[in-house]
């Protein structure tokens, strides 16, 4: 069901963005791919070392992360489809929604709001309930927004998001 819903949201979101901006896709730029790799390394350092050093190692996991882990433990086709959703479908939907539509609609409100609003909404929909969880999701949203702003194309934040989720899914 999520794959169908994801396809519908992605299609209409893409059509909407294509009518408003040219900042969706371009030919692959190797410098921008290099930037994504640097940002992925920075993300791992922040998520694996800095945030745990600030909050301690034994923090509660968010409802979102708990649900993801329980789906992965199902095994078989359920786990495979959920991993597909986590690595491909969710990043496309989230990037079209947050760094695409919300980002574009926030333009008239100024650059600061255009950065903060999609970042906050991204964090909020992931269901954080502790300061550490808010920090993790706000950091992830901010890093995704930095990729979007620096590369000026939505495709690179989608790639970054997919790579991040893939690394988390395979345990890197």
Protein backbone atom coordinates (compact mmCIF):
# COMPACT_ATOMS: atom_id res chain seq x y z
CA UNK A 1 0.00 0.00 0.00
CA UNK A 2 2.79 2.43 0.89
CA UNK A 3 4.42 1.85 -2.50
CA UNK A 4 1.21 2.85 -4.30
CA UNK A 5 0.66 5.85 -2.02
CA UNK A 6 4.31 6.79 -2.43
CA UNK A 7 3.98 6.65 -6.19
CA UNK A 8 0.90 8.88 -6.16
CA UNK A 9 2.46 11.42 -3.78
CA UNK A 10 5.70 11.42 -5.76
CA UNK A 11 3.94 11.86 -9.08
CA UNK A 12 1.74 14.76 -8.03
CA UNK A 13 4.50 16.32 -5.93
CA UNK A 14 6.91 16.15 -8.84
CA UNK A 15 4.33 17.64 -11.23
CA UNK A 16 3.67 20.46 -8.79
CA UNK A 17 7.37 21.20 -8.34
CA UNK A 18 8.07 21.00 -12.06
CA UNK A 19 5.46 23.70 -12.62
CA UNK A 20 7.04 25.99 -9.98
CA UNK A 21 10.80 25.53 -10.31
CA UNK A 22 13.65 24.14 -12.36
CA UNK A 23 15.54 23.04 -9.24
CA UNK A 24 14.59 19.37 -9.42
CA UNK A 25 16.99 17.48 -11.68
CA UNK A 26 20.14 18.02 -13.74
CA UNK A 27 22.78 15.79 -15.28
CA UNK A 28 24.78 14.10 -12.55
CA UNK A 29 27.50 16.44 -11.34
CA UNK A 30 30.48 14.57 -9.85
CA UNK A 31 31.44 17.51 -7.63
CA UNK A 32 27.96 17.44 -6.11
CA UNK A 33 28.21 13.66 -5.64
CA UNK A 34 31.52 14.27 -3.85
CA UNK A 35 29.75 16.81 -1.63
CA UNK A 36 27.11 14.19 -0.81
CA UNK A 37 29.84 11.74 0.21
CA UNK A 38 31.42 14.35 2.49
CA UNK A 39 28.00 15.07 4.01
CA UNK A 40 27.39 11.34 4.56
CA UNK A 41 30.69 11.08 6.47
CA UNK A 42 29.75 14.17 8.52
CA UNK A 43 26.34 12.64 9.23
CA UNK A 44 27.87 9.39 10.48
CA UNK A 45 30.27 11.32 12.75
CA UNK A 46 27.43 13.41 14.17
CA UNK A 47 25.01 10.50 14.61
CA UNK A 48 27.50 7.88 15.83
CA UNK A 49 29.84 9.95 17.99
CA UNK A 50 28.89 13.55 18.71
CA UNK A 51 25.18 13.24 19.55
CA UNK A 52 25.71 10.10 21.70
CA UNK A 53 28.61 11.87 23.48
CA UNK A 54 26.28 14.75 24.33
CA UNK A 55 23.30 12.67 25.44
CA UNK A 56 24.93 9.40 26.52
CA UNK A 57 24.90 6.01 24.86
CA UNK A 58 21.72 4.49 26.30
CA UNK A 59 18.95 6.76 25.08
CA UNK A 60 15.44 5.63 24.19
CA UNK A 61 14.77 5.18 20.50
CA UNK A 62 11.95 7.10 18.84
CA UNK A 63 8.60 5.55 17.97
CA UNK A 64 9.58 5.85 14.31
CA UNK A 65 12.85 3.95 14.84
CA UNK A 66 11.13 1.37 17.03
CA UNK A 67 8.57 0.69 14.29
CA UNK A 68 11.33 0.40 11.67
CA UNK A 69 13.29 -2.08 13.75
CA UNK A 70 10.21 -4.22 14.47
CA UNK A 71 9.38 -4.35 10.74
CA UNK A 72 12.95 -5.39 9.90
CA UNK A 73 12.68 -8.23 12.43
CA UNK A 74 9.57 -9.63 10.72
CA UNK A 75 11.76 -11.32 8.15
CA UNK A 76 10.77 -12.58 4.73
CA UNK A 77 8.81 -10.51 2.25
CA UNK A 78 7.55 -8.06 4.89
CA UNK A 79 11.09 -7.06 5.86
CA UNK A 80 12.23 -6.91 2.24
CA UNK A 81 9.35 -4.64 1.20
CA UNK A 82 9.84 -2.45 4.24
CA UNK A 83 13.56 -2.12 3.49
CA UNK A 84 12.65 -1.16 -0.09
CA UNK A 85 10.28 1.42 1.33
CA UNK A 86 12.91 2.74 3.75
CA UNK A 87 15.68 3.04 1.18
CA UNK A 88 13.77 4.14 -1.94
CA UNK A 89 10.15 5.17 -1.40
CA UNK A 90 10.40 7.16 1.85
CA UNK A 91 13.36 9.31 0.73
CA UNK A 92 11.61 10.23 -2.52
CA UNK A 93 8.34 11.14 -0.77
CA UNK A 94 10.06 12.99 2.06
CA UNK A 95 12.38 14.97 -0.19
CA UNK A 96 9.59 15.97 -2.57
CA UNK A 97 7.50 16.98 0.43
CA UNK A 98 10.04 18.70 2.70
CA UNK A 99 12.94 19.92 0.55
CA UNK A 100 10.63 20.30 -2.46
CA UNK A 101 7.09 21.54 -1.80
CA UNK A 102 7.47 23.00 1.72
CA UNK A 103 10.83 24.54 0.75
CA UNK A 104 9.36 26.20 -2.36
CA UNK A 105 6.24 27.40 -0.56
CA UNK A 106 8.35 28.96 2.21
CA UNK A 107 10.32 31.14 -0.25
CA UNK A 108 8.18 34.26 0.33
CA UNK A 109 8.81 33.98 4.08
CA UNK A 110 12.57 34.46 3.76
CA UNK A 111 15.64 32.25 3.67
CA UNK A 112 15.74 31.54 7.40
CA UNK A 113 12.15 30.29 7.48
CA UNK A 114 12.74 28.45 4.21
CA UNK A 115 15.54 26.52 5.96
CA UNK A 116 13.94 26.05 9.39
CA UNK A 117 10.33 25.23 8.50
CA UNK A 118 10.95 22.08 6.35
CA UNK A 119 13.65 20.97 8.80
CA UNK A 120 11.28 21.23 11.77
CA UNK A 121 8.39 19.53 9.96
CA UNK A 122 10.72 16.72 8.85
CA UNK A 123 11.80 16.16 12.46
CA UNK A 124 8.26 16.36 13.83
CA UNK A 125 6.79 13.75 11.48
CA UNK A 126 9.41 11.24 12.65
CA UNK A 127 7.87 11.28 16.12
CA UNK A 128 10.69 12.32 18.44
CA UNK A 129 9.79 12.43 22.12
CA UNK A 130 13.10 13.19 23.86
CA UNK A 131 15.65 15.99 23.42
CA UNK A 132 18.11 13.49 21.90
CA UNK A 133 15.54 12.26 19.37
CA UNK A 134 14.68 15.86 18.44
CA UNK A 135 18.41 16.56 18.05
CA UNK A 136 18.88 13.52 15.79
CA UNK A 137 15.96 14.35 13.49
CA UNK A 138 16.63 18.11 13.43
CA UNK A 139 20.28 17.38 12.58
CA UNK A 140 19.27 14.97 9.82
CA UNK A 141 16.74 17.47 8.44
CA UNK A 142 19.28 20.30 8.58
CA UNK A 143 21.94 18.23 6.79
CA UNK A 144 19.43 17.29 4.10
CA UNK A 145 18.56 20.97 3.74
CA UNK A 146 22.24 21.89 3.44
CA UNK A 147 22.60 19.36 0.62
CA UNK A 148 19.52 20.85 -1.07
CA UNK A 149 20.78 24.42 -0.72
CA UNK A 150 24.39 23.78 -1.76
CA UNK A 151 23.56 21.59 -4.76
CA UNK A 152 20.49 23.66 -5.73
CA UNK A 153 18.79 20.48 -6.99
CA UNK A 154 16.34 18.18 -5.25
CA UNK A 155 17.86 15.05 -6.79
CA UNK A 156 20.96 15.33 -4.60
CA UNK A 157 19.01 15.50 -1.34
CA UNK A 158 17.07 12.42 -2.55
CA UNK A 159 20.37 10.62 -3.27
CA UNK A 160 21.80 11.66 0.10
CA UNK A 161 18.66 10.53 1.91
CA UNK A 162 18.64 7.17 0.07
CA UNK A 163 22.33 6.59 0.81
CA UNK A 164 21.84 7.49 4.49
CA UNK A 165 18.86 5.16 4.84
CA UNK A 166 20.71 2.39 2.99
CA UNK A 167 23.68 2.67 5.35
CA UNK A 168 21.33 2.60 8.37
CA UNK A 169 19.45 -0.38 6.93
CA UNK A 170 22.56 -2.48 6.33
CA UNK A 171 24.07 -1.40 9.64
CA UNK A 172 26.90 0.87 8.53
